């Protein structure tokens, strides 16, 4: 998929970097785990450029690489990794005289985010792709700040997906959500045997050379897992103790109270880390929401079905409990039913906001959601008043306007698959046809955007 596509792009634009998880791209995953390549005679990055980037993006970088889990290092090591990653990409871009950097996804893993912002500083053209939930279509922008502003250009591919009121998108990537939770429990069960495994391993090293080093390595590995066990236990305890009881939820849903539905995002993840801005901290969004709506409106908060213990420490739940008249409900609750009951669905950038629109409801987004230009979607800003919010909720735009918007939105998308996980959703998919579609779409986009 990657090699044949990037070959076509290089025929037109010279040396181009493709940032992806497929062949023909630069390897982000090893860098994410701290294995940063070095370049012979790589030029030193100017101090002022390093200072600008450190000041501007290091906090976001730190948040993004928390996805590393066991590979996460102490702060001083991360500062060194940030510096080495910046130096590596600086040398790569200059030594190869790169003209364009193509991202298969919105930069959100840490190293790719560094590369993107370095390109911006050096004036190197970027194209950021993002696979849509619609068959064989993807978004393209030149700049991360442009994400969610797609309606200003058309690429002439036309509409291939039709909308009907109440139709729900195929979110195949959520199919294994509950299975992931069983894996979490299985991992905990296996970790309960760690003390026994440690003793057995140490005993097995008797008489071997480098015994101390081997024992130390084994202890360090098992210690990390013990820490994770503790985090998993605390998360499940805090989560379950915070849930609203089923009967209490039923009483609220069957009452005449105004309800706002807020499904939490999986974290750490692109949808908040890269597209959430200030609201990557979801509780900031909940607090902003609470400050707008009347005190007697109920906020129903639902945990993400795929969420694990990361980004869900005890203090997260403490902050959650401080939000008045809000209730956390189980991850297994029916999201569509909650959207249907609520007068408003609130999210950072989640698909739940789009699902609300499809159900003829209104949504409010706090980040750069791809559908934020749609009728019946409100972009949060500090000027939003309760009167304006109520007016939009009580007077939703007709679904015909949503259909017109969606038709235009499809015309702004490229044709093809940039995320291999979506290839099984395309009838008759082949790597060769996809490479042709991708190169055609991206070349047209580059030429039409200058």
Protein backbone atom coordinates (compact mmCIF):
# COMPACT_ATOMS: atom_id res chain seq x y z
CA UNK A 1 0.00 0.00 0.00
CA UNK A 2 2.64 2.53 1.06
CA UNK A 3 5.55 1.98 -1.36
CA UNK A 4 3.61 2.17 -4.62
CA UNK A 5 1.63 5.20 -3.45
CA UNK A 6 4.62 7.20 -2.25
CA UNK A 7 6.52 6.32 -5.45
CA UNK A 8 3.81 8.07 -7.49
CA UNK A 9 3.92 11.13 -5.23
CA UNK A 10 7.72 11.37 -5.52
CA UNK A 11 7.53 11.36 -9.30
CA UNK A 12 5.73 14.69 -9.05
CA UNK A 13 7.20 16.39 -5.98
CA UNK A 14 10.66 14.90 -5.40
CA UNK A 15 11.66 13.53 -2.01
CA UNK A 16 8.56 13.28 0.15
CA UNK A 17 8.14 11.72 3.61
CA UNK A 18 5.09 9.55 4.33
CA UNK A 19 4.27 9.21 8.03
CA UNK A 20 2.20 6.07 8.54
CA UNK A 21 2.18 2.54 9.99
CA UNK A 22 2.62 0.88 6.59
CA UNK A 23 5.57 0.08 4.34
CA UNK A 24 7.26 3.01 2.65
CA UNK A 25 6.84 5.32 5.65
CA UNK A 26 9.21 6.51 8.35
CA UNK A 27 9.01 4.34 11.50
CA UNK A 28 7.18 6.31 14.20
CA UNK A 29 6.52 3.36 16.53
CA UNK A 30 10.20 2.73 17.53
CA UNK A 31 10.67 6.46 18.19
CA UNK A 32 7.51 6.43 20.30
CA UNK A 33 9.16 3.74 22.45
CA UNK A 34 12.31 5.79 22.90
CA UNK A 35 14.39 4.13 20.15
CA UNK A 36 15.41 7.29 18.31
CA UNK A 37 17.61 6.88 15.20
CA UNK A 38 20.70 8.99 14.75
CA UNK A 39 22.02 10.53 11.55
CA UNK A 40 25.70 10.76 10.70
CA UNK A 41 26.85 14.37 10.68
CA UNK A 42 23.35 15.60 11.39
CA UNK A 43 23.25 19.40 11.74
CA UNK A 44 22.57 20.82 15.19
CA UNK A 45 19.18 22.40 15.59
CA UNK A 46 19.44 26.16 16.25
CA UNK A 47 18.90 26.93 19.93
CA UNK A 48 16.20 29.52 19.29
CA UNK A 49 14.22 27.01 17.19
CA UNK A 50 14.52 24.39 19.94
CA UNK A 51 13.38 26.90 22.55
CA UNK A 52 10.35 27.92 20.46
CA UNK A 53 9.26 24.33 19.93
CA UNK A 54 9.91 23.29 23.53
CA UNK A 55 7.86 26.21 24.79
CA UNK A 56 5.08 25.69 22.27
CA UNK A 57 4.52 21.93 22.12
CA UNK A 58 6.34 20.08 24.92
CA UNK A 59 3.28 19.87 27.20
CA UNK A 60 1.20 18.42 24.36
CA UNK A 61 4.04 16.02 23.49
CA UNK A 62 4.19 14.89 27.11
CA UNK A 63 0.45 14.17 27.12
CA UNK A 64 0.62 12.29 23.83
CA UNK A 65 3.44 9.92 24.74
CA UNK A 66 1.65 8.79 27.90
CA UNK A 67 0.12 6.19 25.55
CA UNK A 68 3.44 4.35 25.82
CA UNK A 69 2.44 2.70 29.08
CA UNK A 70 5.38 0.57 30.24
CA UNK A 71 7.72 2.53 27.96
CA UNK A 72 6.91 5.80 29.73
CA UNK A 73 10.04 7.31 31.30
CA UNK A 74 10.76 9.82 34.00
CA UNK A 75 10.52 13.49 33.06
CA UNK A 76 14.25 14.07 32.53
CA UNK A 77 14.46 11.15 30.10
CA UNK A 78 11.44 12.45 28.21
CA UNK A 79 13.08 15.87 27.87
CA UNK A 80 16.13 14.15 26.38
CA UNK A 81 13.94 12.08 24.04
CA UNK A 82 12.15 15.23 22.91
CA UNK A 83 15.49 16.91 22.12
CA UNK A 84 16.86 13.86 20.27
CA UNK A 85 13.63 13.40 18.30
CA UNK A 86 13.75 17.04 17.26
CA UNK A 87 17.41 16.73 16.25
CA UNK A 88 16.74 13.57 14.25
CA UNK A 89 13.87 15.07 12.27
CA UNK A 90 15.72 18.35 11.76
CA UNK A 91 18.65 16.48 10.23
CA UNK A 92 16.36 14.25 8.16
CA UNK A 93 14.42 17.14 6.66
CA UNK A 94 17.52 19.18 5.81
CA UNK A 95 19.81 16.39 4.61
CA UNK A 96 17.20 14.96 2.24
CA UNK A 97 15.86 18.36 1.21
CA UNK A 98 12.33 17.21 1.88
CA UNK A 99 9.70 19.17 -0.04
CA UNK A 100 6.51 17.73 1.48
CA UNK A 101 5.63 15.67 4.55
CA UNK A 102 2.45 13.61 4.29
CA UNK A 103 0.74 12.38 7.44
CA UNK A 104 -1.61 9.39 7.18
CA UNK A 105 -3.30 10.57 10.36
CA UNK A 106 -3.55 13.71 12.45
CA UNK A 107 -0.24 13.91 14.38
CA UNK A 108 -1.05 12.67 17.87
CA UNK A 109 1.51 10.11 19.05
CA UNK A 110 4.30 12.52 20.06
CA UNK A 111 7.12 12.10 17.53
CA UNK A 112 4.80 12.82 14.59
CA UNK A 113 3.55 15.91 16.42
CA UNK A 114 7.15 17.12 16.79
CA UNK A 115 7.78 16.50 13.08
CA UNK A 116 4.66 18.42 12.07
CA UNK A 117 5.51 21.51 14.12
CA UNK A 118 9.11 21.40 12.92
CA UNK A 119 7.84 21.45 9.33
CA UNK A 120 5.69 24.49 10.16
CA UNK A 121 8.72 26.33 11.58
CA UNK A 122 10.88 25.43 8.58
CA UNK A 123 8.23 26.30 6.01
CA UNK A 124 7.99 22.73 4.67
CA UNK A 125 4.61 21.89 3.15
CA UNK A 126 2.48 19.37 5.03
CA UNK A 127 -0.62 17.39 4.12
CA UNK A 128 -2.56 15.84 6.99
CA UNK A 129 -4.93 13.01 6.15
CA UNK A 130 -7.63 11.53 8.38
CA UNK A 131 -9.69 8.45 7.58
CA UNK A 132 -13.41 9.13 7.74
CA UNK A 133 -16.05 6.71 9.03
CA UNK A 134 -17.53 6.73 5.51
CA UNK A 135 -16.50 4.06 3.06
CA UNK A 136 -13.32 4.78 1.10
CA UNK A 137 -13.17 8.48 2.00
CA UNK A 138 -10.62 10.52 3.93
CA UNK A 139 -10.16 14.14 4.94
CA UNK A 140 -7.18 16.32 3.97
CA UNK A 141 -5.91 19.60 5.42
CA UNK A 142 -2.69 21.56 5.06
CA UNK A 143 -2.58 22.71 8.66
CA UNK A 144 -3.86 21.24 11.94
CA UNK A 145 -5.66 24.52 12.62
CA UNK A 146 -7.72 23.89 9.47
CA UNK A 147 -9.04 20.58 10.72
CA UNK A 148 -12.86 20.61 10.84
CA UNK A 149 -12.99 23.46 8.29
CA UNK A 150 -13.52 21.36 5.19
CA UNK A 151 -16.31 23.16 3.40
CA UNK A 152 -14.15 25.81 1.75
CA UNK A 153 -12.92 23.50 -1.01
CA UNK A 154 -14.21 20.71 -3.23
CA UNK A 155 -12.14 17.96 -4.84
CA UNK A 156 -14.81 16.86 -7.26
CA UNK A 157 -15.21 13.25 -6.13
CA UNK A 158 -18.92 13.69 -5.47
CA UNK A 159 -21.19 12.00 -2.96
CA UNK A 160 -21.24 8.22 -2.60
CA UNK A 161 -22.91 7.82 0.81
CA UNK A 162 -26.50 8.86 1.43
CA UNK A 163 -28.05 9.87 4.73
CA UNK A 164 -31.43 9.00 6.17
CA UNK A 165 -32.81 10.32 9.47
CA UNK A 166 -31.89 8.03 12.35
CA UNK A 167 -29.29 6.05 10.39
CA UNK A 168 -26.26 5.21 12.52
CA UNK A 169 -22.65 4.97 11.25
CA UNK A 170 -20.83 1.64 11.26
CA UNK A 171 -18.33 2.05 14.11
CA UNK A 172 -16.64 -1.32 13.57
CA UNK A 173 -13.69 -0.29 15.73
CA UNK A 174 -15.95 -0.36 18.79
CA UNK A 175 -16.98 -3.99 18.28
CA UNK A 176 -14.30 -5.37 20.62
CA UNK A 177 -14.77 -2.75 23.34
CA UNK A 178 -16.10 -5.10 26.01
CA UNK A 179 -13.57 -7.75 24.97
CA UNK A 180 -10.84 -5.24 25.80
CA UNK A 181 -12.19 -5.04 29.32
CA UNK A 182 -12.01 -8.83 29.68
CA UNK A 183 -8.39 -8.61 28.53
CA UNK A 184 -7.77 -6.09 31.31
CA UNK A 185 -9.10 -8.55 33.87
CA UNK A 186 -7.11 -11.42 32.32
CA UNK A 187 -3.94 -9.34 32.52
CA UNK A 188 -4.61 -8.61 36.17
CA UNK A 189 -5.13 -12.35 36.85
CA UNK A 190 -1.82 -13.21 35.20
CA UNK A 191 -0.06 -10.48 37.16
CA UNK A 192 -1.30 -11.97 40.44
CA UNK A 193 1.25 -14.76 39.86
CA UNK A 194 4.15 -12.30 39.58
CA UNK A 195 5.66 -12.87 43.05
CA UNK A 196 5.80 -16.63 42.37
CA UNK A 197 7.32 -16.04 38.92
CA UNK A 198 9.92 -13.71 40.39
CA UNK A 199 11.09 -16.25 42.98
CA UNK A 200 11.16 -18.99 40.34
CA UNK A 201 13.18 -16.80 37.95
CA UNK A 202 15.74 -15.87 40.59
CA UNK A 203 16.13 -19.53 41.59
CA UNK A 204 16.64 -20.46 37.95
CA UNK A 205 19.57 -18.05 37.66
CA UNK A 206 21.63 -19.94 40.22
CA UNK A 207 25.14 -20.60 38.93
CA UNK A 208 24.76 -18.41 35.87
CA UNK A 209 27.09 -15.56 34.96
CA UNK A 210 25.85 -11.98 35.19
CA UNK A 211 23.36 -13.19 37.79
CA UNK A 212 22.93 -9.79 39.47
CA UNK A 213 22.24 -8.01 36.19
CA UNK A 214 19.71 -10.65 35.16
CA UNK A 215 17.96 -10.50 38.54
CA UNK A 216 17.83 -6.68 38.42
CA UNK A 217 16.34 -6.73 34.94
CA UNK A 218 13.71 -9.27 36.00
CA UNK A 219 12.81 -7.30 39.13
CA UNK A 220 12.50 -4.06 37.14
CA UNK A 221 10.19 -5.70 34.60
CA UNK A 222 7.96 -7.25 37.25
CA UNK A 223 7.91 -4.06 39.35
CA UNK A 224 6.40 -2.16 36.40
CA UNK A 225 3.67 -4.77 36.10
CA UNK A 226 2.94 -4.64 39.83
CA UNK A 227 2.51 -0.85 39.55
CA UNK A 228 0.12 -1.42 36.64
CA UNK A 229 -1.85 -3.95 38.69
CA UNK A 230 -2.28 -1.34 41.42
CA UNK A 231 -3.41 1.24 38.86
CA UNK A 232 -5.93 -1.20 37.33
CA UNK A 233 -7.34 -2.09 40.74
CA UNK A 234 -7.71 1.56 41.74
CA UNK A 235 -9.34 2.44 38.44
CA UNK A 236 -11.94 -0.33 38.62
CA UNK A 237 -12.65 0.57 42.25
CA UNK A 238 -13.06 4.29 41.55
CA UNK A 239 -15.11 3.64 38.41
CA UNK A 240 -17.55 1.18 39.97
CA UNK A 241 -18.01 3.22 43.15
CA UNK A 242 -18.78 6.34 41.09
CA UNK A 243 -21.49 4.76 38.95
CA UNK A 244 -25.07 5.85 39.34
CA UNK A 245 -27.22 2.87 40.30
CA UNK A 246 -29.44 1.46 37.56
CA UNK A 247 -32.66 2.30 39.39
CA UNK A 248 -31.53 5.90 39.97
CA UNK A 249 -30.66 6.26 36.28
CA UNK A 250 -34.08 4.92 35.32
CA UNK A 251 -35.76 7.48 37.60
CA UNK A 252 -33.86 10.33 35.96
CA UNK A 253 -34.51 9.11 32.42
CA UNK A 254 -38.23 8.63 33.09
CA UNK A 255 -38.61 12.07 34.67
CA UNK A 256 -39.29 15.34 32.85
CA UNK A 257 -35.83 16.70 33.65
CA UNK A 258 -33.68 18.25 30.94
CA UNK A 259 -30.72 15.96 30.32
CA UNK A 260 -27.40 16.64 28.64
CA UNK A 261 -25.48 13.55 27.57
CA UNK A 262 -21.67 13.61 27.72
CA UNK A 263 -19.93 10.38 26.62
CA UNK A 264 -16.28 10.37 27.66
CA UNK A 265 -13.54 9.84 25.09
CA UNK A 266 -11.01 7.05 25.22
CA UNK A 267 -7.76 8.51 26.50
CA UNK A 268 -4.99 8.97 25.61
CA UNK A 269 -6.13 9.28 22.01
CA UNK A 270 -6.09 11.54 18.96
CA UNK A 271 -9.63 12.82 19.45
CA UNK A 272 -8.65 14.72 22.59
CA UNK A 273 -4.83 15.00 22.59
CA UNK A 274 -4.56 16.39 19.06
CA UNK A 275 -8.04 17.77 18.37
CA UNK A 276 -9.24 18.80 21.82
CA UNK A 277 -6.94 21.77 22.46
CA UNK A 278 -7.59 23.10 25.96
CA UNK A 279 -10.37 20.55 26.26
CA UNK A 280 -8.05 17.58 25.92
CA UNK A 281 -8.79 17.61 29.65
CA UNK A 282 -12.40 16.50 29.34
CA UNK A 283 -13.34 17.75 32.78
CA UNK A 284 -12.57 21.28 31.58
CA UNK A 285 -15.33 20.77 29.01
CA UNK A 286 -17.73 19.41 31.62
CA UNK A 287 -17.06 22.41 33.85
CA UNK A 288 -17.58 24.80 30.92
CA UNK A 289 -20.83 23.03 30.09
CA UNK A 290 -22.01 23.19 33.69
CA UNK A 291 -21.31 26.93 33.79
CA UNK A 292 -23.67 27.54 30.83
CA UNK A 293 -26.67 25.31 31.49
CA UNK A 294 -29.18 25.80 34.34
CA UNK A 295 -28.42 24.08 37.64
CA UNK A 296 -31.48 21.82 37.37
CA UNK A 297 -30.33 20.33 34.04
CA UNK A 298 -28.80 16.91 34.61
CA UNK A 299 -25.52 15.89 32.98
CA UNK A 300 -25.28 12.14 32.31
CA UNK A 301 -21.63 11.13 31.81
CA UNK A 302 -20.85 7.74 30.31
CA UNK A 303 -17.44 6.07 30.47
CA UNK A 304 -15.91 5.06 27.15
CA UNK A 305 -16.35 1.32 26.53
CA UNK A 306 -12.66 0.94 25.57
CA UNK A 307 -11.20 2.99 28.44
CA UNK A 308 -8.49 1.46 30.60
CA UNK A 309 -6.75 2.78 33.70
CA UNK A 310 -4.64 5.40 31.90
CA UNK A 311 -5.83 8.99 32.42
CA UNK A 312 -8.29 7.78 35.05
CA UNK A 313 -6.58 8.22 38.39
CA UNK A 314 -8.32 8.84 41.68
CA UNK A 315 -8.11 12.62 41.24
CA UNK A 316 -9.95 12.38 37.91
CA UNK A 317 -12.97 10.88 39.69
CA UNK A 318 -12.65 13.42 42.49
CA UNK A 319 -12.90 16.25 39.97
CA UNK A 320 -15.82 14.49 38.31
CA UNK A 321 -17.71 14.34 41.60
CA UNK A 322 -17.23 18.09 42.06
CA UNK A 323 -19.43 18.86 39.03
CA UNK A 324 -22.91 19.61 40.35
CA UNK A 325 -25.91 17.59 39.24
CA UNK A 326 -23.84 15.25 37.09
CA UNK A 327 -23.78 11.47 37.20
CA UNK A 328 -21.43 8.84 35.83
CA UNK A 329 -23.14 5.80 34.34
CA UNK A 330 -21.78 2.43 33.31
CA UNK A 331 -19.93 1.96 30.04
CA UNK A 332 -22.48 -0.71 29.06
CA UNK A 333 -25.41 1.71 28.95
CA UNK A 334 -26.95 2.17 25.49
CA UNK A 335 -25.43 5.33 24.04
CA UNK A 336 -28.07 5.73 21.33
CA UNK A 337 -30.86 5.57 23.94
CA UNK A 338 -29.11 8.26 26.00
CA UNK A 339 -28.69 10.48 22.93
CA UNK A 340 -32.36 10.00 22.09
CA UNK A 341 -33.47 10.94 25.62
CA UNK A 342 -31.17 13.94 26.02
CA UNK A 343 -32.00 17.41 24.73
CA UNK A 344 -28.31 17.97 23.96
CA UNK A 345 -25.28 15.73 23.37
CA UNK A 346 -21.93 17.24 24.36
CA UNK A 347 -18.53 15.92 23.32
CA UNK A 348 -15.01 17.08 22.52
CA UNK A 349 -14.91 15.63 18.99
CA UNK A 350 -16.71 12.28 19.38
CA UNK A 351 -18.94 10.51 16.89
CA UNK A 352 -21.79 10.71 19.42
CA UNK A 353 -22.28 14.34 18.36
CA UNK A 354 -22.78 13.24 14.75
CA UNK A 355 -25.13 10.47 15.87
CA UNK A 356 -27.23 13.07 17.70
CA UNK A 357 -27.50 15.10 14.49
CA UNK A 358 -28.60 11.98 12.59
CA UNK A 359 -31.33 11.50 15.19
CA UNK A 360 -32.58 15.04 14.59
CA UNK A 361 -30.99 16.35 17.79
CA UNK A 362 -28.49 19.09 18.58
CA UNK A 363 -24.89 18.56 19.67
CA UNK A 364 -22.19 20.81 21.07
CA UNK A 365 -18.48 20.16 20.43
CA UNK A 366 -15.53 21.53 22.39
CA UNK A 367 -12.79 20.51 19.97
CA UNK A 368 -12.15 20.23 16.23
CA UNK A 369 -14.82 17.65 15.32
CA UNK A 370 -14.95 16.76 11.62
CA UNK A 371 -18.72 17.47 11.55
CA UNK A 372 -18.57 20.80 13.38
CA UNK A 373 -19.74 22.73 10.29
CA UNK A 374 -22.94 20.68 10.17
CA UNK A 375 -26.36 22.19 10.86
CA UNK A 376 -27.42 21.46 14.45
CA UNK A 377 -23.84 21.33 15.69
CA UNK A 378 -22.71 24.09 18.05
CA UNK A 379 -19.03 24.97 18.36
CA UNK A 380 -18.39 25.95 21.95
CA UNK A 381 -16.79 29.30 22.64
CA UNK A 382 -16.86 31.62 25.62
CA UNK A 383 -19.44 33.89 24.01
CA UNK A 384 -22.07 31.14 23.97
CA UNK A 385 -25.08 32.13 26.09
CA UNK A 386 -27.86 30.04 27.57
CA UNK A 387 -30.46 31.92 25.51
CA UNK A 388 -28.63 31.09 22.28
CA UNK A 389 -28.16 27.47 23.33
CA UNK A 390 -31.85 27.01 24.18
CA UNK A 391 -32.91 28.70 20.94
CA UNK A 392 -30.83 26.24 18.87
CA UNK A 393 -32.06 23.24 20.88
CA UNK A 394 -35.71 24.28 20.47
CA UNK A 395 -35.39 25.13 16.78
CA UNK A 396 -33.21 22.50 15.10
CA UNK A 397 -32.53 22.90 11.38
CA UNK A 398 -34.47 20.54 9.06
CA UNK A 399 -32.73 17.28 8.15
CA UNK A 400 -32.71 18.32 4.50
CA UNK A 401 -30.04 20.88 5.40
CA UNK A 402 -27.95 18.16 7.05
CA UNK A 403 -28.21 16.11 3.84
CA UNK A 404 -27.07 19.09 1.75
CA UNK A 405 -24.17 19.72 4.12
CA UNK A 406 -23.11 16.08 4.01
CA UNK A 407 -23.19 15.99 0.22
CA UNK A 408 -20.85 19.00 0.11
CA UNK A 409 -18.65 17.49 2.81
CA UNK A 410 -18.10 14.35 0.74
CA UNK A 411 -16.97 16.48 -2.18
CA UNK A 412 -14.22 17.89 0.04
CA UNK A 413 -12.87 14.41 0.89
CA UNK A 414 -10.24 12.36 -0.87
CA UNK A 415 -10.90 8.90 -2.29
CA UNK A 416 -9.05 5.98 -0.69
CA UNK A 417 -7.83 4.36 2.52
CA UNK A 418 -5.03 5.94 4.57
CA UNK A 419 -5.68 3.75 7.62
CA UNK A 420 -5.25 0.02 6.82
CA UNK A 421 -7.77 -0.94 9.54
CA UNK A 422 -10.51 0.45 7.29
CA UNK A 423 -9.59 -1.53 4.17
CA UNK A 424 -11.86 -4.45 5.10
CA UNK A 425 -14.82 -2.05 5.00
CA UNK A 426 -14.31 -1.35 1.29
CA UNK A 427 -15.86 -3.77 -1.19
CA UNK A 428 -13.31 -5.00 -3.75
CA UNK A 429 -10.37 -3.28 -2.03
CA UNK A 430 -6.91 -3.82 -3.54
CA UNK A 431 -3.61 -2.14 -2.64
CA UNK A 432 -3.02 -1.21 -6.28
CA UNK A 433 -6.36 0.54 -6.76
CA UNK A 434 -6.01 2.24 -3.41
CA UNK A 435 -2.53 3.56 -4.30
CA UNK A 436 -3.99 5.06 -7.48
CA UNK A 437 -6.88 6.67 -5.60
CA UNK A 438 -4.59 8.06 -2.87
CA UNK A 439 -2.02 9.54 -5.23
CA UNK A 440 -4.75 11.10 -7.40
CA UNK A 441 -6.52 12.59 -4.37
CA UNK A 442 -3.42 13.95 -2.67
CA UNK A 443 -1.83 15.35 -5.86
CA UNK A 444 -5.10 17.14 -6.66
CA UNK A 445 -5.23 18.49 -3.10
CA UNK A 446 -1.64 19.76 -3.17
CA UNK A 447 -2.08 21.42 -6.55
CA UNK A 448 -5.39 23.03 -5.58
CA UNK A 449 -4.12 24.40 -2.26
CA UNK A 450 -0.90 25.97 -3.53
